[in-house]
Amino acid sequence: MLIIKDISNLQSYLTAYQNRKYSIGFVPTMGALHKGHGELIKKSKNDNHKTIVSIFVNEKQFNSKEDFNSYPRNKGLDYDFCSDNNVDLLFEPSAEEIYNKDETILKNTYFNNILCDKFRKGHFDGVITVLNKFFSIVKSNKVYFGEKDFQQLKIIEKFIQEKYEFLEIVSVPTKRNEEGIAYSSRNEKLSKKQLQDFISFHQKVENFLNSLENSFDIEIANQKAKDFIVEQDIEKLDYFEFRNYDDLSFNGKVSESRLFYAIYKGKIRLIDNLKI
């Protein structure tokens, strides 16, 4: 496995790949890799001749310096993870390598003022800004994202359609543990009690979903969601609501929706989305 930290060196290898007509799959990450990332890598390996993984903790998408500084980092373990998953090339640039001093921050105009965008102002501006840089550098044939960050996935789909016609986005279903919890880098910050509380909450959510009729309108389902969530012992809640999985609106039947939630355990923000 190659580990490359500068753009010029990366482009030498990319040119060699392109000259050999290799298809390239790209998995952008912020490190702290887990089994969810492993599914993205596996899909890319199946689809392409070469798979590139990037590790870059992008400060521009964090809402506070504290959150950025506390984001889990485990460089050595990430290297081992990528090697064990047969990644061809790991790209790990510095912020100085990616951004100019006077870098323009792009403004996200898709699916805004709802869900995470409503509560994390500027977050998706930072996401599309960094992805715009990486897409223009790597120039892969396909790029891979998980469905766990579903709003992010929908935003990036729109962004790619508008700016990167050559690039195909591939969504990969959320990887979950035996208790049904989605793998997430932030889960590593939970205490044992917080994790058990989260598992209990998630299982109650699954039972709630199983109690709903597929024929319910999303608006009816959201009334029931409000009744359910007020009965739960939640430290802090950003949202708990059904939305249409195509346009993230409140239109349609619950069978055409996902349940989206963002809750807190201490200072740790936990998000997920679930299909009926």
C-alpha atoms as a PDB file:
ATOM      1  CA  MET A   1       0.000   0.000   0.000  1.00  0.00           C
ATOM      2  CA  LEU A   2       1.247   3.442  -0.942  1.00  0.00           C
ATOM      3  CA  ILE A   3       0.970   6.278   1.585  1.00  0.00           C
ATOM      4  CA  ILE A   4       1.168   9.672  -0.095  1.00  0.00           C
ATOM      5  CA  LYS A   5       0.931  13.087   1.547  1.00  0.00           C
ATOM      6  CA  ASP A   6       1.476  15.563  -1.320  1.00  0.00           C
ATOM      7  CA  ILE A   7      -0.590  16.296  -4.395  1.00  0.00           C
ATOM      8  CA  SER A   8       2.269  16.257  -6.902  1.00  0.00           C
ATOM      9  CA  ASN A   9       3.369  12.763  -5.911  1.00  0.00           C
ATOM     10  CA  LEU A  10      -0.238  11.570  -5.941  1.00  0.00           C
ATOM     11  CA  GLN A  11      -0.774  12.902  -9.431  1.00  0.00           C
ATOM     12  CA  SER A  12       2.210  10.935 -10.714  1.00  0.00           C
ATOM     13  CA  TYR A  13       0.539   7.712  -9.637  1.00  0.00           C
ATOM     14  CA  LEU A  14      -2.873   8.845 -10.895  1.00  0.00           C
ATOM     15  CA  THR A  15      -1.358   9.544 -14.313  1.00  0.00           C
ATOM     16  CA  ALA A  16       0.168   6.063 -14.362  1.00  0.00           C
ATOM     17  CA  TYR A  17      -3.211   4.542 -13.454  1.00  0.00           C
ATOM     18  CA  GLN A  18      -4.963   6.522 -16.153  1.00  0.00           C
ATOM     19  CA  ASN A  19      -2.361   5.579 -18.775  1.00  0.00           C
ATOM     20  CA  ARG A  20      -3.067   1.940 -17.988  1.00  0.00           C
ATOM     21  CA  LYS A  21      -6.833   2.582 -18.297  1.00  0.00           C
ATOM     22  CA  TYR A  22      -7.388   1.601 -14.676  1.00  0.00           C
ATOM     23  CA  SER A  23     -10.738   2.539 -13.168  1.00  0.00           C
ATOM     24  CA  ILE A  24     -10.316   4.381  -9.868  1.00  0.00           C
ATOM     25  CA  GLY A  25     -12.584   4.260  -6.834  1.00  0.00           C
ATOM     26  CA  PHE A  26     -12.259   6.944  -4.168  1.00  0.00           C
ATOM     27  CA  VAL A  27     -13.289   6.687  -0.507  1.00  0.00           C
ATOM     28  CA  PRO A  28     -12.904  10.058   1.263  1.00  0.00           C
ATOM     29  CA  THR A  29     -12.723   9.782   5.067  1.00  0.00           C
ATOM     30  CA  MET A  30     -11.700  11.685   8.169  1.00  0.00           C
ATOM     31  CA  GLY A  31      -9.931   8.658   9.608  1.00  0.00           C
ATOM     32  CA  ALA A  32     -10.818   6.745  12.782  1.00  0.00           C
ATOM     33  CA  LEU A  33     -11.727   3.981  10.360  1.00  0.00           C
ATOM     34  CA  HIS A  34     -14.222   1.253  11.249  1.00  0.00           C
ATOM     35  CA  LYS A  35     -16.292  -1.516   9.661  1.00  0.00           C
ATOM     36  CA  GLY A  36     -18.555   1.009   7.973  1.00  0.00           C
ATOM     37  CA  HIS A  37     -15.571   2.372   6.069  1.00  0.00           C
ATOM     38  CA  GLY A  38     -14.600  -1.226   5.374  1.00  0.00           C
ATOM     39  CA  GLU A  39     -17.857  -1.705   3.460  1.00  0.00           C
ATOM     40  CA  LEU A  40     -17.098   1.345   1.305  1.00  0.00           C
ATOM     41  CA  ILE A  41     -13.613   0.034   0.562  1.00  0.00           C
ATOM     42  CA  LYS A  42     -14.934  -3.452  -0.215  1.00  0.00           C
ATOM     43  CA  LYS A  43     -17.478  -2.039  -2.680  1.00  0.00           C
ATOM     44  CA  SER A  44     -14.813   0.091  -4.356  1.00  0.00           C
ATOM     45  CA  LYS A  45     -12.462  -2.900  -4.590  1.00  0.00           C
ATOM     46  CA  ASN A  46     -15.209  -4.892  -6.291  1.00  0.00           C
ATOM     47  CA  ASP A  47     -16.013  -2.095  -8.743  1.00  0.00           C
ATOM     48  CA  ASN A  48     -12.572  -0.769  -9.728  1.00  0.00           C
ATOM     49  CA  HIS A  49      -9.005  -1.663 -10.604  1.00  0.00           C
ATOM     50  CA  LYS A  50      -7.609   0.705  -7.963  1.00  0.00           C
ATOM     51  CA  THR A  51      -9.001   2.061  -4.694  1.00  0.00           C
ATOM     52  CA  ILE A  52      -7.809   5.296  -3.104  1.00  0.00           C
ATOM     53  CA  VAL A  53      -8.697   6.239   0.472  1.00  0.00           C
ATOM     54  CA  SER A  54      -8.094   9.736   1.816  1.00  0.00           C
ATOM     55  CA  ILE A  55      -7.722  10.663   5.472  1.00  0.00           C
ATOM     56  CA  PHE A  56      -8.230  14.338   6.192  1.00  0.00           C
ATOM     57  CA  VAL A  57      -9.890  15.809   9.281  1.00  0.00           C
ATOM     58  CA  ASN A  58     -11.481  18.840   7.704  1.00  0.00           C
ATOM     59  CA  GLU A  59     -11.631  21.699  10.201  1.00  0.00           C
ATOM     60  CA  LYS A  60     -13.917  23.731   7.925  1.00  0.00           C
ATOM     61  CA  GLN A  61     -16.865  21.385   8.541  1.00  0.00           C
ATOM     62  CA  PHE A  62     -16.697  21.510  12.337  1.00  0.00           C
ATOM     63  CA  ASN A  63     -18.855  23.924  14.277  1.00  0.00           C
ATOM     64  CA  SER A  64     -16.374  24.440  17.080  1.00  0.00           C
ATOM     65  CA  LYS A  65     -12.643  24.192  17.704  1.00  0.00           C
ATOM     66  CA  GLU A  66     -13.385  21.895  20.639  1.00  0.00           C
ATOM     67  CA  ASP A  67     -15.254  19.418  18.430  1.00  0.00           C
ATOM     68  CA  PHE A  68     -12.461  19.487  15.850  1.00  0.00           C
ATOM     69  CA  ASN A  69      -9.752  18.935  18.465  1.00  0.00           C
ATOM     70  CA  SER A  70     -11.648  16.099  20.145  1.00  0.00           C
ATOM     71  CA  TYR A  71     -12.470  14.246  16.932  1.00  0.00           C
ATOM     72  CA  PRO A  72     -10.991  10.717  17.262  1.00  0.00           C
ATOM     73  CA  ARG A  73      -7.662  10.174  15.524  1.00  0.00           C
ATOM     74  CA  ASN A  74      -5.698   6.914  15.367  1.00  0.00           C
ATOM     75  CA  LYS A  75      -3.276   7.214  12.492  1.00  0.00           C
ATOM     76  CA  GLY A  76      -1.364   3.979  13.057  1.00  0.00           C
ATOM     77  CA  LEU A  77      -4.531   1.911  13.355  1.00  0.00           C
ATOM     78  CA  ASP A  78      -5.924   3.568  10.220  1.00  0.00           C
ATOM     79  CA  TYR A  79      -2.817   2.562   8.273  1.00  0.00           C
ATOM     80  CA  ASP A  80      -3.224  -1.026   9.454  1.00  0.00           C
ATOM     81  CA  PHE A  81      -6.937  -0.944   8.613  1.00  0.00           C
ATOM     82  CA  CYS A  82      -6.296   0.230   5.058  1.00  0.00           C
ATOM     83  CA  SER A  83      -3.523  -2.310   4.571  1.00  0.00           C
ATOM     84  CA  ASP A  84      -5.712  -5.136   5.902  1.00  0.00           C
ATOM     85  CA  ASN A  85      -8.477  -4.052   3.504  1.00  0.00           C
ATOM     86  CA  ASN A  86      -6.097  -4.047   0.528  1.00  0.00           C
ATOM     87  CA  VAL A  87      -6.314  -0.334  -0.216  1.00  0.00           C
ATOM     88  CA  ASP A  88      -4.004   0.529  -3.099  1.00  0.00           C
ATOM     89  CA  LEU A  89      -3.190   4.108  -2.140  1.00  0.00           C
ATOM     90  CA  LEU A  90      -3.746   6.129   1.033  1.00  0.00           C
ATOM     91  CA  PHE A  91      -3.740   9.903   0.536  1.00  0.00           C
ATOM     92  CA  GLU A  92      -3.168  11.819   3.772  1.00  0.00           C
ATOM     93  CA  PRO A  93      -2.518  15.492   3.012  1.00  0.00           C
ATOM     94  CA  SER A  94      -2.067  18.365   5.443  1.00  0.00           C
ATOM     95  CA  ALA A  95      -4.454  21.309   5.565  1.00  0.00           C
ATOM     96  CA  GLU A  96      -1.740  23.430   3.928  1.00  0.00           C
ATOM     97  CA  GLU A  97      -1.578  20.959   1.042  1.00  0.00           C
ATOM     98  CA  ILE A  98      -5.334  21.122   0.425  1.00  0.00           C
ATOM     99  CA  TYR A  99      -6.275  24.729   1.153  1.00  0.00           C
ATOM    100  CA  ASN A 100      -4.962  28.074   0.028  1.00  0.00           C
ATOM    101  CA  LYS A 101      -4.589  30.761   2.696  1.00  0.00           C
ATOM    102  CA  ASP A 102      -7.489  32.698   1.180  1.00  0.00           C
ATOM    103  CA  GLU A 103      -9.598  29.643   0.310  1.00  0.00           C
ATOM    104  CA  THR A 104     -13.152  30.446  -0.744  1.00  0.00           C
ATOM    105  CA  ILE A 105     -15.770  28.522   1.212  1.00  0.00           C
ATOM    106  CA  LEU A 106     -18.507  27.160  -1.059  1.00  0.00           C
ATOM    107  CA  LYS A 107     -22.110  27.648   0.004  1.00  0.00           C
ATOM    108  CA  ASN A 108     -24.333  24.602   0.078  1.00  0.00           C
ATOM    109  CA  THR A 109     -27.710  25.260  -1.539  1.00  0.00           C
ATOM    110  CA  TYR A 110     -29.152  21.739  -1.424  1.00  0.00           C
ATOM    111  CA  PHE A 111     -31.480  20.385   1.268  1.00  0.00           C
ATOM    112  CA  ASN A 112     -30.531  23.240   3.560  1.00  0.00           C
ATOM    113  CA  ASN A 113     -32.153  24.557   6.735  1.00  0.00           C
ATOM    114  CA  ILE A 114     -33.404  21.078   7.620  1.00  0.00           C
ATOM    115  CA  LEU A 115     -32.013  18.185   9.690  1.00  0.00           C
ATOM    116  CA  CYS A 116     -28.267  18.575  10.344  1.00  0.00           C
ATOM    117  CA  ASP A 117     -27.970  21.726   8.256  1.00  0.00           C
ATOM    118  CA  LYS A 118     -30.468  23.463  10.527  1.00  0.00           C
ATOM    119  CA  PHE A 119     -28.492  22.649  13.663  1.00  0.00           C
ATOM    120  CA  ARG A 120     -24.929  22.727  12.307  1.00  0.00           C
ATOM    121  CA  LYS A 121     -24.766  25.990  10.400  1.00  0.00           C
ATOM    122  CA  GLY A 122     -21.982  25.992   7.824  1.00  0.00           C
ATOM    123  CA  HIS A 123     -21.218  22.292   8.265  1.00  0.00           C
ATOM    124  CA  PHE A 124     -22.171  21.267   4.744  1.00  0.00           C
ATOM    125  CA  ASP A 125     -20.446  24.352   3.332  1.00  0.00           C
ATOM    126  CA  GLY A 126     -17.256  22.862   4.727  1.00  0.00           C
ATOM    127  CA  VAL A 127     -18.119  19.400   3.412  1.00  0.00           C
ATOM    128  CA  ILE A 128     -18.651  20.436  -0.194  1.00  0.00           C
ATOM    129  CA  THR A 129     -15.665  22.794  -0.054  1.00  0.00           C
ATOM    130  CA  VAL A 130     -13.265  20.002   0.871  1.00  0.00           C
ATOM    131  CA  LEU A 131     -14.875  17.484  -1.487  1.00  0.00           C
ATOM    132  CA  ASN A 132     -14.612  19.974  -4.324  1.00  0.00           C
ATOM    133  CA  LYS A 133     -10.868  20.054  -3.691  1.00  0.00           C
ATOM    134  CA  PHE A 134     -10.524  16.271  -3.439  1.00  0.00           C
ATOM    135  CA  PHE A 135     -12.685  15.536  -6.487  1.00  0.00           C
ATOM    136  CA  SER A 136     -10.602  17.884  -8.621  1.00  0.00           C
ATOM    137  CA  ILE A 137      -7.363  16.332  -7.342  1.00  0.00           C
ATOM    138  CA  VAL A 138      -8.184  12.621  -7.442  1.00  0.00           C
ATOM    139  CA  LYS A 139     -10.400  12.602 -10.569  1.00  0.00           C
ATOM    140  CA  SER A 140     -11.711   9.135  -9.789  1.00  0.00           C
ATOM    141  CA  ASN A 141     -14.345   7.317 -11.807  1.00  0.00           C
ATOM    142  CA  LYS A 142     -16.466   6.566  -8.739  1.00  0.00           C
ATOM    143  CA  VAL A 143     -16.713   7.904  -5.197  1.00  0.00           C
ATOM    144  CA  TYR A 144     -18.233   6.033  -2.250  1.00  0.00           C
ATOM    145  CA  PHE A 145     -20.369   7.283   0.639  1.00  0.00           C
ATOM    146  CA  GLY A 146     -22.407   5.519   3.304  1.00  0.00           C
ATOM    147  CA  GLU A 147     -26.124   5.968   3.850  1.00  0.00           C
ATOM    148  CA  LYS A 148     -25.651   6.697   7.554  1.00  0.00           C
ATOM    149  CA  ASP A 149     -25.017  10.380   6.754  1.00  0.00           C
ATOM    150  CA  PHE A 150     -28.034  10.418   4.455  1.00  0.00           C
ATOM    151  CA  GLN A 151     -28.513  14.173   4.154  1.00  0.00           C
ATOM    152  CA  GLN A 152     -24.820  14.503   3.307  1.00  0.00           C
ATOM    153  CA  LEU A 153     -25.228  11.780   0.683  1.00  0.00           C
ATOM    154  CA  LYS A 154     -28.158  13.599  -0.941  1.00  0.00           C
ATOM    155  CA  ILE A 155     -26.284  16.922  -0.923  1.00  0.00           C
ATOM    156  CA  ILE A 156     -23.197  15.369  -2.519  1.00  0.00           C
ATOM    157  CA  GLU A 157     -25.347  13.669  -5.163  1.00  0.00           C
ATOM    158  CA  LYS A 158     -26.705  17.069  -6.195  1.00  0.00           C
ATOM    159  CA  PHE A 159     -23.267  18.682  -6.033  1.00  0.00           C
ATOM    160  CA  ILE A 160     -21.741  16.007  -8.277  1.00  0.00           C
ATOM    161  CA  GLN A 161     -24.603  16.200 -10.775  1.00  0.00           C
ATOM    162  CA  GLU A 162     -23.991  19.930 -11.100  1.00  0.00           C
ATOM    163  CA  LYS A 163     -20.182  20.078 -11.120  1.00  0.00           C
ATOM    164  CA  TYR A 164     -18.646  16.656 -11.861  1.00  0.00           C
ATOM    165  CA  GLU A 165     -20.346  14.895 -14.753  1.00  0.00           C
ATOM    166  CA  PHE A 166     -17.472  12.399 -15.056  1.00  0.00           C
ATOM    167  CA  LEU A 167     -17.890  11.206 -11.457  1.00  0.00           C
ATOM    168  CA  GLU A 168     -20.341   8.528 -10.351  1.00  0.00           C
ATOM    169  CA  ILE A 169     -21.444   8.511  -6.709  1.00  0.00           C
ATOM    170  CA  VAL A 170     -22.103   5.113  -5.160  1.00  0.00           C
ATOM    171  CA  SER A 171     -24.118   4.827  -1.944  1.00  0.00           C
ATOM    172  CA  VAL A 172     -23.473   1.930   0.408  1.00  0.00           C
ATOM    173  CA  PRO A 173     -25.976   0.715   3.042  1.00  0.00           C
ATOM    174  CA  THR A 174     -25.177   1.458   6.669  1.00  0.00           C
ATOM    175  CA  LYS A 175     -23.094  -1.198   8.437  1.00  0.00           C
ATOM    176  CA  ARG A 176     -24.466  -2.052  11.886  1.00  0.00           C
ATOM    177  CA  ASN A 177     -23.291  -4.068  14.854  1.00  0.00           C
ATOM    178  CA  GLU A 178     -25.247  -6.907  16.469  1.00  0.00           C
ATOM    179  CA  GLU A 179     -27.303  -4.434  18.532  1.00  0.00           C
ATOM    180  CA  GLY A 180     -28.300  -2.503  15.400  1.00  0.00           C
ATOM    181  CA  ILE A 181     -26.086   0.510  16.111  1.00  0.00           C
ATOM    182  CA  ALA A 182     -24.487   2.075  13.045  1.00  0.00           C
ATOM    183  CA  TYR A 183     -20.707   2.043  13.104  1.00  0.00           C
ATOM    184  CA  SER A 184     -19.436   5.574  13.674  1.00  0.00           C
ATOM    185  CA  SER A 185     -16.135   7.156  14.640  1.00  0.00           C
ATOM    186  CA  ARG A 186     -17.902   9.131  17.372  1.00  0.00           C
ATOM    187  CA  ASN A 187     -19.154   5.944  19.055  1.00  0.00           C
ATOM    188  CA  GLU A 188     -15.600   5.401  20.289  1.00  0.00           C
ATOM    189  CA  LYS A 189     -16.006   8.432  22.553  1.00  0.00           C
ATOM    190  CA  LEU A 190     -19.006   6.978  24.408  1.00  0.00           C
ATOM    191  CA  SER A 191     -18.599   5.603  27.913  1.00  0.00           C
ATOM    192  CA  LYS A 192     -19.897   2.094  28.577  1.00  0.00           C
ATOM    193  CA  LYS A 193     -23.029   3.501  30.208  1.00  0.00           C
ATOM    194  CA  GLN A 194     -23.611   5.981  27.395  1.00  0.00           C
ATOM    195  CA  LEU A 195     -23.249   3.195  24.850  1.00  0.00           C
ATOM    196  CA  GLN A 196     -25.683   0.933  26.704  1.00  0.00           C
ATOM    197  CA  ASP A 197     -28.170   3.808  26.997  1.00  0.00           C
ATOM    198  CA  PHE A 198     -27.804   4.476  23.279  1.00  0.00           C
ATOM    199  CA  ILE A 199     -28.363   0.802  22.427  1.00  0.00           C
ATOM    200  CA  SER A 200     -31.498   0.777  24.598  1.00  0.00           C
ATOM    201  CA  PHE A 201     -32.794   3.932  22.909  1.00  0.00           C
ATOM    202  CA  HIS A 202     -32.085   2.573  19.435  1.00  0.00           C
ATOM    203  CA  GLN A 203     -33.906  -0.679  20.164  1.00  0.00           C
ATOM    204  CA  LYS A 204     -36.940   1.275  21.369  1.00  0.00           C
ATOM    205  CA  VAL A 205     -36.822   3.249  18.118  1.00  0.00           C
ATOM    206  CA  GLU A 206     -36.793   0.013  16.114  1.00  0.00           C
ATOM    207  CA  ASN A 207     -39.801  -1.259  18.056  1.00  0.00           C
ATOM    208  CA  PHE A 208     -41.574   2.032  17.416  1.00  0.00           C
ATOM    209  CA  LEU A 209     -40.914   1.694  13.682  1.00  0.00           C
ATOM    210  CA  ASN A 210     -42.286  -1.835  13.671  1.00  0.00           C
ATOM    211  CA  SER A 211     -45.517  -0.548  15.211  1.00  0.00           C
ATOM    212  CA  LEU A 212     -46.265   1.759  12.279  1.00  0.00           C
ATOM    213  CA  GLU A 213     -48.396   0.973   9.253  1.00  0.00           C
ATOM    214  CA  ASN A 214     -46.711   1.460   5.872  1.00  0.00           C
ATOM    215  CA  SER A 215     -49.851   3.186   4.634  1.00  0.00           C
ATOM    216  CA  PHE A 216     -49.521   6.063   7.118  1.00  0.00           C
ATOM    217  CA  ASP A 217     -48.859   9.495   5.653  1.00  0.00           C
ATOM    218  CA  ILE A 218     -45.511  10.915   6.732  1.00  0.00           C
ATOM    219  CA  GLU A 219     -47.363  13.695   8.558  1.00  0.00           C
ATOM    220  CA  ILE A 220     -49.266  11.113  10.639  1.00  0.00           C
ATOM    221  CA  ALA A 221     -46.052   9.200  11.334  1.00  0.00           C
ATOM    222  CA  ASN A 222     -44.419  12.411  12.567  1.00  0.00           C
ATOM    223  CA  GLN A 223     -47.264  13.022  15.010  1.00  0.00           C
ATOM    224  CA  LYS A 224     -46.645   9.547  16.417  1.00  0.00           C
ATOM    225  CA  ALA A 225     -42.885  10.234  16.431  1.00  0.00           C
ATOM    226  CA  LYS A 226     -43.465  13.306  18.625  1.00  0.00           C
ATOM    227  CA  ASP A 227     -45.560  11.248  21.031  1.00  0.00           C
ATOM    228  CA  PHE A 228     -42.842   8.589  21.171  1.00  0.00           C
ATOM    229  CA  ILE A 229     -39.826  10.831  21.675  1.00  0.00           C
ATOM    230  CA  VAL A 230     -41.282  12.863  24.552  1.00  0.00           C
ATOM    231  CA  GLU A 231     -41.501   9.635  26.552  1.00  0.00           C
ATOM    232  CA  GLN A 232     -37.772   8.905  26.113  1.00  0.00           C
ATOM    233  CA  ASP A 233     -35.013   9.966  28.476  1.00  0.00           C
ATOM    234  CA  ILE A 234     -33.008  12.120  26.042  1.00  0.00           C
ATOM    235  CA  GLU A 235     -30.350  14.537  27.305  1.00  0.00           C
ATOM    236  CA  LYS A 236     -30.608  16.715  24.211  1.00  0.00           C
ATOM    237  CA  LEU A 237     -32.449  16.292  20.915  1.00  0.00           C
ATOM    238  CA  ASP A 238     -31.941  18.107  17.624  1.00  0.00           C
ATOM    239  CA  TYR A 239     -34.538  16.247  15.567  1.00  0.00           C
ATOM    240  CA  PHE A 240     -36.554  13.043  15.394  1.00  0.00           C
ATOM    241  CA  GLU A 241     -38.697  12.961  12.267  1.00  0.00           C
ATOM    242  CA  PHE A 242     -39.709  11.120   9.133  1.00  0.00           C
ATOM    243  CA  ARG A 243     -38.847  12.551   5.734  1.00  0.00           C
ATOM    244  CA  ASN A 244     -39.292  11.340   2.176  1.00  0.00           C
ATOM    245  CA  TYR A 245     -36.049   9.623   1.152  1.00  0.00           C
ATOM    246  CA  ASP A 246     -36.112  11.125  -2.358  1.00  0.00           C
ATOM    247  CA  ASP A 247     -36.486  14.835  -1.639  1.00  0.00           C
ATOM    248  CA  LEU A 248     -36.299  14.959   2.207  1.00  0.00           C
ATOM    249  CA  SER A 249     -39.746  16.559   2.309  1.00  0.00           C
ATOM    250  CA  PHE A 250     -42.692  15.660   4.547  1.00  0.00           C
ATOM    251  CA  ASN A 251     -44.690  14.455   1.526  1.00  0.00           C
ATOM    252  CA  GLY A 252     -45.708  10.884   0.824  1.00  0.00           C
ATOM    253  CA  LYS A 253     -46.287   7.665   2.734  1.00  0.00           C
ATOM    254  CA  VAL A 254     -44.170   6.367   5.578  1.00  0.00           C
ATOM    255  CA  SER A 255     -43.137   3.493   3.266  1.00  0.00           C
ATOM    256  CA  GLU A 256     -41.362   6.153   1.149  1.00  0.00           C
ATOM    257  CA  SER A 257     -39.546   7.636   4.102  1.00  0.00           C
ATOM    258  CA  ARG A 258     -36.708   7.276   6.549  1.00  0.00           C
ATOM    259  CA  LEU A 259     -36.734   8.194  10.202  1.00  0.00           C
ATOM    260  CA  PHE A 260     -33.954  10.674  10.914  1.00  0.00           C
ATOM    261  CA  TYR A 261     -32.657  11.460  14.374  1.00  0.00           C
ATOM    262  CA  ALA A 262     -29.876  13.391  16.067  1.00  0.00           C
ATOM    263  CA  ILE A 263     -29.445  13.038  19.826  1.00  0.00           C
ATOM    264  CA  TYR A 264     -26.709  13.769  22.343  1.00  0.00           C
ATOM    265  CA  LYS A 265     -24.987  11.675  24.949  1.00  0.00           C
ATOM    266  CA  GLY A 266     -23.037  14.224  26.949  1.00  0.00           C
ATOM    267  CA  LYS A 267     -21.294  16.347  24.318  1.00  0.00           C
ATOM    268  CA  ILE A 268     -21.315  13.534  21.753  1.00  0.00           C
ATOM    269  CA  ARG A 269     -23.766  14.037  18.901  1.00  0.00           C
ATOM    270  CA  LEU A 270     -25.177  10.800  17.475  1.00  0.00           C
ATOM    271  CA  ILE A 271     -27.109  10.618  14.209  1.00  0.00           C
ATOM    272  CA  ASP A 272     -28.811   7.839  12.309  1.00  0.00           C
ATOM    273  CA  ASN A 273     -31.583   7.179   9.813  1.00  0.00           C
ATOM    274  CA  LEU A 274     -33.733   4.111   9.483  1.00  0.00           C
ATOM    275  CA  LYS A 275     -36.036   2.715   6.837  1.00  0.00           C
ATOM    276  CA  ILE A 276     -39.381   1.206   7.797  1.00  0.00           C
END
